[in-house]
PDB file of N, CA and C in Angstrom:
ATOM      1  N   UNK A   1     -47.850  16.459 110.908  1.00  0.00           N
ATOM      2  CA  UNK A   1     -47.262  16.966 112.130  1.00  0.00           C
ATOM      3  C   UNK A   1     -45.773  16.691 112.163  1.00  0.00           C
ATOM      4  N   UNK A   2     -45.375  15.542 111.648  1.00  0.00           N
ATOM      5  CA  UNK A   2     -43.965  15.156 111.706  1.00  0.00           C
ATOM      6  C   UNK A   2     -43.134  16.136 110.885  1.00  0.00           C
ATOM      7  N   UNK A   3     -43.697  16.674 109.818  1.00  0.00           N
ATOM      8  CA  UNK A   3     -42.951  17.601 108.994  1.00  0.00           C
ATOM      9  C   UNK A   3     -42.613  18.924 109.673  1.00  0.00           C
ATOM     10  N   UNK A   4     -43.322  19.261 110.713  1.00  0.00           N
ATOM     11  CA  UNK A   4     -43.098  20.512 111.440  1.00  0.00           C
ATOM     12  C   UNK A   4     -42.135  20.356 112.606  1.00  0.00           C
ATOM     13  N   UNK A   5     -41.774  19.141 112.956  1.00  0.00           N
ATOM     14  CA  UNK A   5     -40.880  18.934 114.095  1.00  0.00           C
ATOM     15  C   UNK A   5     -39.476  19.567 113.900  1.00  0.00           C
ATOM     16  N   UNK A   6     -38.934  19.642 112.694  1.00  0.00           N
ATOM     17  CA  UNK A   6     -37.663  20.352 112.561  1.00  0.00           C
ATOM     18  C   UNK A   6     -37.737  21.811 113.019  1.00  0.00           C
ATOM     19  N   UNK A   7     -38.911  22.454 112.848  1.00  0.00           N
ATOM     20  CA  UNK A   7     -39.058  23.798 113.369  1.00  0.00           C
ATOM     21  C   UNK A   7     -39.006  23.846 114.886  1.00  0.00           C
ATOM     22  N   UNK A   8     -39.593  22.856 115.514  1.00  0.00           N
ATOM     23  CA  UNK A   8     -39.597  22.792 116.978  1.00  0.00           C
ATOM     24  C   UNK A   8     -38.189  22.529 117.508  1.00  0.00           C
ATOM     25  N   UNK A   9     -37.433  21.708 116.791  1.00  0.00           N
ATOM     26  CA  UNK A   9     -36.109  21.290 117.278  1.00  0.00           C
ATOM     27  C   UNK A   9     -34.974  22.152 116.722  1.00  0.00           C
ATOM     28  N   UNK A  10     -35.300  23.223 116.028  1.00  0.00           N
ATOM     29  CA  UNK A  10     -34.284  24.072 115.386  1.00  0.00           C
ATOM     30  C   UNK A  10     -33.357  24.682 116.452  1.00  0.00           C
ATOM     31  N   UNK A  11     -32.089  24.843 116.033  1.00  0.00           N
ATOM     32  CA  UNK A  11     -31.093  25.476 116.882  1.00  0.00           C
ATOM     33  C   UNK A  11     -30.295  26.484 116.052  1.00  0.00           C
ATOM     34  N   UNK A  12     -29.737  27.449 116.670  1.00  0.00           N
ATOM     35  CA  UNK A  12     -28.916  28.416 115.956  1.00  0.00           C
ATOM     36  C   UNK A  12     -29.576  29.783 115.954  1.00  0.00           C
ATOM     37  N   UNK A  13     -29.061  30.684 115.077  1.00  0.00           N
ATOM     38  CA  UNK A  13     -29.596  32.031 115.020  1.00  0.00           C
ATOM     39  C   UNK A  13     -31.052  32.038 114.538  1.00  0.00           C
ATOM     40  N   UNK A  14     -31.881  32.751 115.242  1.00  0.00           N
ATOM     41  CA  UNK A  14     -33.300  32.826 114.898  1.00  0.00           C
ATOM     42  C   UNK A  14     -34.106  31.608 115.302  1.00  0.00           C
ATOM     43  N   UNK A  15     -33.522  30.734 116.105  1.00  0.00           N
ATOM     44  CA  UNK A  15     -34.211  29.514 116.480  1.00  0.00           C
ATOM     45  C   UNK A  15     -35.399  29.785 117.383  1.00  0.00           C
ATOM     46  N   UNK A  16     -35.370  30.858 118.164  1.00  0.00           N
ATOM     47  CA  UNK A  16     -36.466  31.171 119.048  1.00  0.00           C
ATOM     48  C   UNK A  16     -37.744  31.419 118.289  1.00  0.00           C
ATOM     49  N   UNK A  17     -37.648  32.153 117.177  1.00  0.00           N
ATOM     50  CA  UNK A  17     -38.823  32.434 116.334  1.00  0.00           C
ATOM     51  C   UNK A  17     -39.322  31.162 115.660  1.00  0.00           C
ATOM     52  N   UNK A  18     -38.388  30.403 115.159  1.00  0.00           N
ATOM     53  CA  UNK A  18     -38.783  29.164 114.474  1.00  0.00           C
ATOM     54  C   UNK A  18     -39.376  28.156 115.456  1.00  0.00           C
ATOM     55  N   UNK A  19     -38.825  28.090 116.648  1.00  0.00           N
ATOM     56  CA  UNK A  19     -39.356  27.163 117.679  1.00  0.00           C
ATOM     57  C   UNK A  19     -40.783  27.518 118.031  1.00  0.00           C
ATOM     58  N   UNK A  20     -41.056  28.799 118.236  1.00  0.00           N
ATOM     59  CA  UNK A  20     -42.420  29.192 118.613  1.00  0.00           C
ATOM     60  C   UNK A  20     -43.419  28.937 117.486  1.00  0.00           C
ATOM     61  N   UNK A  21     -42.984  29.183 116.248  1.00  0.00           N
ATOM     62  CA  UNK A  21     -43.881  28.896 115.113  1.00  0.00           C
ATOM     63  C   UNK A  21     -44.116  27.397 115.000  1.00  0.00           C
ATOM     64  N   UNK A  22     -43.076  26.605 115.186  1.00  0.00           N
ATOM     65  CA  UNK A  22     -43.195  25.146 115.123  1.00  0.00           C
ATOM     66  C   UNK A  22     -44.090  24.596 116.194  1.00  0.00           C
ATOM     67  N   UNK A  23     -43.955  25.144 117.409  1.00  0.00           N
ATOM     68  CA  UNK A  23     -44.806  24.693 118.516  1.00  0.00           C
ATOM     69  C   UNK A  23     -46.277  25.030 118.241  1.00  0.00           C
ATOM     70  N   UNK A  24     -46.510  26.202 117.705  1.00  0.00           N
ATOM     71  CA  UNK A  24     -47.901  26.565 117.375  1.00  0.00           C
ATOM     72  C   UNK A  24     -48.488  25.699 116.284  1.00  0.00           C
ATOM     73  N   UNK A  25     -47.674  25.405 115.258  1.00  0.00           N
ATOM     74  CA  UNK A  25     -48.165  24.552 114.171  1.00  0.00           C
ATOM     75  C   UNK A  25     -48.471  23.140 114.646  1.00  0.00           C
ATOM     76  N   UNK A  26     -47.546  22.551 115.410  1.00  0.00           N
ATOM     77  CA  UNK A  26     -47.750  21.175 115.889  1.00  0.00           C
ATOM     78  C   UNK A  26     -48.913  21.112 116.851  1.00  0.00           C
ATOM     79  N   UNK A  27     -49.010  22.053 117.782  1.00  0.00           N
ATOM     80  CA  UNK A  27     -50.116  22.008 118.744  1.00  0.00           C
ATOM     81  C   UNK A  27     -51.458  22.265 118.045  1.00  0.00           C
ATOM     82  N   UNK A  28     -51.475  23.141 117.075  1.00  0.00           N
ATOM     83  CA  UNK A  28     -52.721  23.373 116.320  1.00  0.00           C
ATOM     84  C   UNK A  28     -53.179  22.146 115.562  1.00  0.00           C
ATOM     85  N   UNK A  29     -52.213  21.439 114.980  1.00  0.00           N
ATOM     86  CA  UNK A  29     -52.596  20.229 114.234  1.00  0.00           C
ATOM     87  C   UNK A  29     -53.054  19.130 115.191  1.00  0.00           C
ATOM     88  N   UNK A  30     -52.439  19.051 116.341  1.00  0.00           N
ATOM     89  CA  UNK A  30     -52.877  18.058 117.356  1.00  0.00           C
ATOM     90  C   UNK A  30     -54.297  18.364 117.837  1.00  0.00           C
ATOM     91  N   UNK A  31     -54.542  19.635 118.125  1.00  0.00           N
ATOM     92  CA  UNK A  31     -55.882  20.024 118.567  1.00  0.00           C
ATOM     93  C   UNK A  31     -56.912  19.773 117.479  1.00  0.00           C
ATOM     94  N   UNK A  32     -56.589  20.128 116.247  1.00  0.00           N
ATOM     95  CA  UNK A  32     -57.505  19.878 115.123  1.00  0.00           C
ATOM     96  C   UNK A  32     -57.793  18.407 114.933  1.00  0.00           C
ATOM     97  N   UNK A  33     -56.760  17.584 115.082  1.00  0.00           N
ATOM     98  CA  UNK A  33     -56.950  16.130 114.956  1.00  0.00           C
ATOM     99  C   UNK A  33     -57.834  15.570 116.072  1.00  0.00           C
ATOM    100  N   UNK A  34     -57.612  16.013 117.272  1.00  0.00           N
ATOM    101  CA  UNK A  34     -58.436  15.560 118.411  1.00  0.00           C
ATOM    102  C   UNK A  34     -59.888  15.956 118.207  1.00  0.00           C
ATOM    103  N   UNK A  35     -60.124  17.207 117.778  1.00  0.00           N
ATOM    104  CA  UNK A  35     -61.486  17.654 117.526  1.00  0.00           C
ATOM    105  C   UNK A  35     -62.132  16.800 116.431  1.00  0.00           C
ATOM    106  N   UNK A  36     -61.404  16.570 115.370  1.00  0.00           N
ATOM    107  CA  UNK A  36     -61.970  15.814 114.225  1.00  0.00           C
ATOM    108  C   UNK A  36     -62.277  14.378 114.607  1.00  0.00           C
ATOM    109  N   UNK A  37     -61.402  13.753 115.368  1.00  0.00           N
ATOM    110  CA  UNK A  37     -61.590  12.328 115.661  1.00  0.00           C
ATOM    111  C   UNK A  37     -62.497  12.052 116.848  1.00  0.00           C
ATOM    112  N   UNK A  38     -62.559  12.985 117.834  1.00  0.00           N
ATOM    113  CA  UNK A  38     -63.279  12.683 119.054  1.00  0.00           C
ATOM    114  C   UNK A  38     -64.421  13.643 119.367  1.00  0.00           C
ATOM    115  N   UNK A  39     -64.189  14.933 119.309  1.00  0.00           N
ATOM    116  CA  UNK A  39     -65.184  15.902 119.748  1.00  0.00           C
ATOM    117  C   UNK A  39     -66.345  15.986 118.779  1.00  0.00           C
ATOM    118  N   UNK A  40     -66.080  16.130 117.495  1.00  0.00           N
ATOM    119  CA  UNK A  40     -67.184  16.284 116.529  1.00  0.00           C
ATOM    120  C   UNK A  40     -68.056  15.042 116.498  1.00  0.00           C
ATOM    121  N   UNK A  41     -67.516  13.823 116.419  1.00  0.00           N
ATOM    122  CA  UNK A  41     -68.398  12.651 116.448  1.00  0.00           C
ATOM    123  C   UNK A  41     -69.181  12.520 117.749  1.00  0.00           C
ATOM    124  N   UNK A  42     -68.597  12.905 118.872  1.00  0.00           N
ATOM    125  CA  UNK A  42     -69.293  12.834 120.162  1.00  0.00           C
ATOM    126  C   UNK A  42     -70.469  13.781 120.194  1.00  0.00           C
ATOM    127  N   UNK A  43     -70.258  14.995 119.711  1.00  0.00           N
ATOM    128  CA  UNK A  43     -71.369  15.983 119.654  1.00  0.00           C
ATOM    129  C   UNK A  43     -72.446  15.490 118.703  1.00  0.00           C
ATOM    130  N   UNK A  44     -72.058  14.914 117.577  1.00  0.00           N
ATOM    131  CA  UNK A  44     -73.038  14.391 116.616  1.00  0.00           C
ATOM    132  C   UNK A  44     -73.899  13.317 117.261  1.00  0.00           C
ATOM    133  N   UNK A  45     -73.262  12.394 117.980  1.00  0.00           N
ATOM    134  CA  UNK A  45     -74.016  11.327 118.630  1.00  0.00           C
ATOM    135  C   UNK A  45     -74.996  11.886 119.663  1.00  0.00           C
ATOM    136  N   UNK A  46     -74.560  12.877 120.437  1.00  0.00           N
ATOM    137  CA  UNK A  46     -75.439  13.465 121.437  1.00  0.00           C
ATOM    138  C   UNK A  46     -76.619  14.183 120.794  1.00  0.00           C
ATOM    139  N   UNK A  47     -76.380  14.895 119.699  1.00  0.00           N
ATOM    140  CA  UNK A  47     -77.478  15.581 119.010  1.00  0.00           C
ATOM    141  C   UNK A  47     -78.413  14.601 118.346  1.00  0.00           C
ATOM    142  N   UNK A  48     -77.857  13.536 117.756  1.00  0.00           N
ATOM    143  CA  UNK A  48     -78.687  12.533 117.088  1.00  0.00           C
ATOM    144  C   UNK A  48     -79.582  11.780 118.085  1.00  0.00           C
ATOM    145  N   UNK A  49     -79.103  11.600 119.296  1.00  0.00           N
ATOM    146  CA  UNK A  49     -79.940  10.921 120.312  1.00  0.00           C
ATOM    147  C   UNK A  49     -81.075  11.781 120.785  1.00  0.00           C
ATOM    148  N   UNK A  50     -80.866  13.069 120.894  1.00  0.00           N
ATOM    149  CA  UNK A  50     -81.908  13.949 121.404  1.00  0.00           C
ATOM    150  C   UNK A  50     -82.963  14.302 120.362  1.00  0.00           C
ATOM    151  N   UNK A  51     -82.619  14.135 119.104  1.00  0.00           N
ATOM    152  CA  UNK A  51     -83.569  14.468 118.034  1.00  0.00           C
ATOM    153  C   UNK A  51     -84.544  13.317 117.862  1.00  0.00           C
ATOM    154  N   UNK A  52     -85.820  13.617 117.894  1.00  0.00           N
ATOM    155  CA  UNK A  52     -86.852  12.576 117.791  1.00  0.00           C
ATOM    156  C   UNK A  52     -87.003  12.107 116.357  1.00  0.00           C
ATOM    157  N   UNK A  53     -87.269  10.840 116.176  1.00  0.00           N
ATOM    158  CA  UNK A  53     -87.490  10.292 114.859  1.00  0.00           C
ATOM    159  C   UNK A  53     -88.844  10.774 114.362  1.00  0.00           C
ATOM    160  N   UNK A  54     -88.973  11.044 113.062  1.00  0.00           N
ATOM    161  CA  UNK A  54     -90.264  11.492 112.552  1.00  0.00           C
ATOM    162  C   UNK A  54     -91.295  10.379 112.610  1.00  0.00           C
ATOM    163  N   UNK A  55     -92.535  10.754 112.900  1.00  0.00           N
ATOM    164  CA  UNK A  55     -93.627   9.782 112.983  1.00  0.00           C
ATOM    165  C   UNK A  55     -94.035   9.349 111.579  1.00  0.00           C
ATOM    166  N   UNK A  56     -94.364   8.074 111.452  1.00  0.00           N
ATOM    167  CA  UNK A  56     -94.800   7.533 110.181  1.00  0.00           C
ATOM    168  C   UNK A  56     -96.323   7.382 110.233  1.00  0.00           C
ATOM    169  N   UNK A  57     -96.981   7.989 109.248  1.00  0.00           N
ATOM    170  CA  UNK A  57     -98.451   7.929 109.182  1.00  0.00           C
ATOM    171  C   UNK A  57     -98.826   6.855 108.183  1.00  0.00           C
ATOM    172  N   UNK A  58     -99.646   5.910 108.646  1.00  0.00           N
ATOM    173  CA  UNK A  58    -100.103   4.834 107.775  1.00  0.00           C
ATOM    174  C   UNK A  58    -101.569   5.036 107.517  1.00  0.00           C
ATOM    175  N   UNK A  59    -101.925   5.142 106.238  1.00  0.00           N
ATOM    176  CA  UNK A  59    -103.322   5.331 105.874  1.00  0.00           C
ATOM    177  C   UNK A  59    -103.956   3.975 105.584  1.00  0.00           C
ATOM    178  N   UNK A  60    -105.210   3.844 106.007  1.00  0.00           N
ATOM    179  CA  UNK A  60    -105.931   2.613 105.736  1.00  0.00           C
ATOM    180  C   UNK A  60    -106.726   2.732 104.467  1.00  0.00           C
ATOM    181  N   UNK A  61    -107.153   1.620 103.904  1.00  0.00           N
ATOM    182  CA  UNK A  61    -107.923   1.647 102.678  1.00  0.00           C
ATOM    183  C   UNK A  61    -109.265   2.361 102.828  1.00  0.00           C
ATOM    184  N   UNK A  62    -109.885   2.281 103.993  1.00  0.00           N
ATOM    185  CA  UNK A  62    -111.184   2.923 104.215  1.00  0.00           C
ATOM    186  C   UNK A  62    -111.045   4.463 104.147  1.00  0.00           C
ATOM    187  N   UNK A  63    -109.995   4.996 104.677  1.00  0.00           N
ATOM    188  CA  UNK A  63    -109.805   6.435 104.663  1.00  0.00           C
ATOM    189  C   UNK A  63    -109.613   6.955 103.244  1.00  0.00           C
ATOM    190  N   UNK A  64    -108.809   6.220 102.446  1.00  0.00           N
ATOM    191  CA  UNK A  64    -108.527   6.693 101.110  1.00  0.00           C
ATOM    192  C   UNK A  64    -109.743   6.531 100.203  1.00  0.00           C
ATOM    193  N   UNK A  65    -110.561   5.513 100.423  1.00  0.00           N
ATOM    194  CA  UNK A  65    -111.745   5.337  99.619  1.00  0.00           C
ATOM    195  C   UNK A  65    -112.734   6.477  99.870  1.00  0.00           C
ATOM    196  N   UNK A  66    -112.901   6.881 101.093  1.00  0.00           N
ATOM    197  CA  UNK A  66    -113.793   8.001 101.401  1.00  0.00           C
ATOM    198  C   UNK A  66    -113.250   9.292 100.816  1.00  0.00           C
ATOM    199  N   UNK A  67    -111.964   9.459 100.828  1.00  0.00           N
ATOM    200  CA  UNK A  67    -111.364  10.671 100.318  1.00  0.00           C
ATOM    201  C   UNK A  67    -111.551  10.762  98.801  1.00  0.00           C
ATOM    202  N   UNK A  68    -111.379   9.674  98.114  1.00  0.00           N
ATOM    203  CA  UNK A  68    -111.519   9.717  96.632  1.00  0.00           C
ATOM    204  C   UNK A  68    -113.006   9.928  96.254  1.00  0.00           C
ATOM    205  N   UNK A  69    -113.927   9.364  97.038  1.00  0.00           N
ATOM    206  CA  UNK A  69    -115.324   9.567  96.772  1.00  0.00           C
ATOM    207  C   UNK A  69    -115.713  11.033  96.972  1.00  0.00           C
ATOM    208  N   UNK A  70    -115.147  11.648  97.999  1.00  0.00           N
ATOM    209  CA  UNK A  70    -115.473  13.044  98.267  1.00  0.00           C
ATOM    210  C   UNK A  70    -114.886  13.973  97.239  1.00  0.00           C
ATOM    211  N   UNK A  71    -113.709  13.650  96.691  1.00  0.00           N
ATOM    212  CA  UNK A  71    -113.079  14.488  95.699  1.00  0.00           C
ATOM    213  C   UNK A  71    -113.753  14.344  94.373  1.00  0.00           C
ATOM    214  N   UNK A  72    -114.183  13.134  94.015  1.00  0.00           N
ATOM    215  CA  UNK A  72    -114.808  12.876  92.725  1.00  0.00           C
ATOM    216  C   UNK A  72    -116.118  13.537  92.704  1.00  0.00           C
TER     217      UNK A  72
END
């Protein structure tokens, strides 16, 4: 962002065009940085909280013994 500030602070012939381009570049980079650092992680946390954890199925020895006997 700091590299684009000379465009924002430009003076002289054609400075109006350079100033507007510089303002758009700096504001776009600020918005992109804010989204990357705050908005995207916040949305991720909200989505991760609403998503249910998968259920873990635990099989007992009795169930597997009956299954192997039936298959054999």
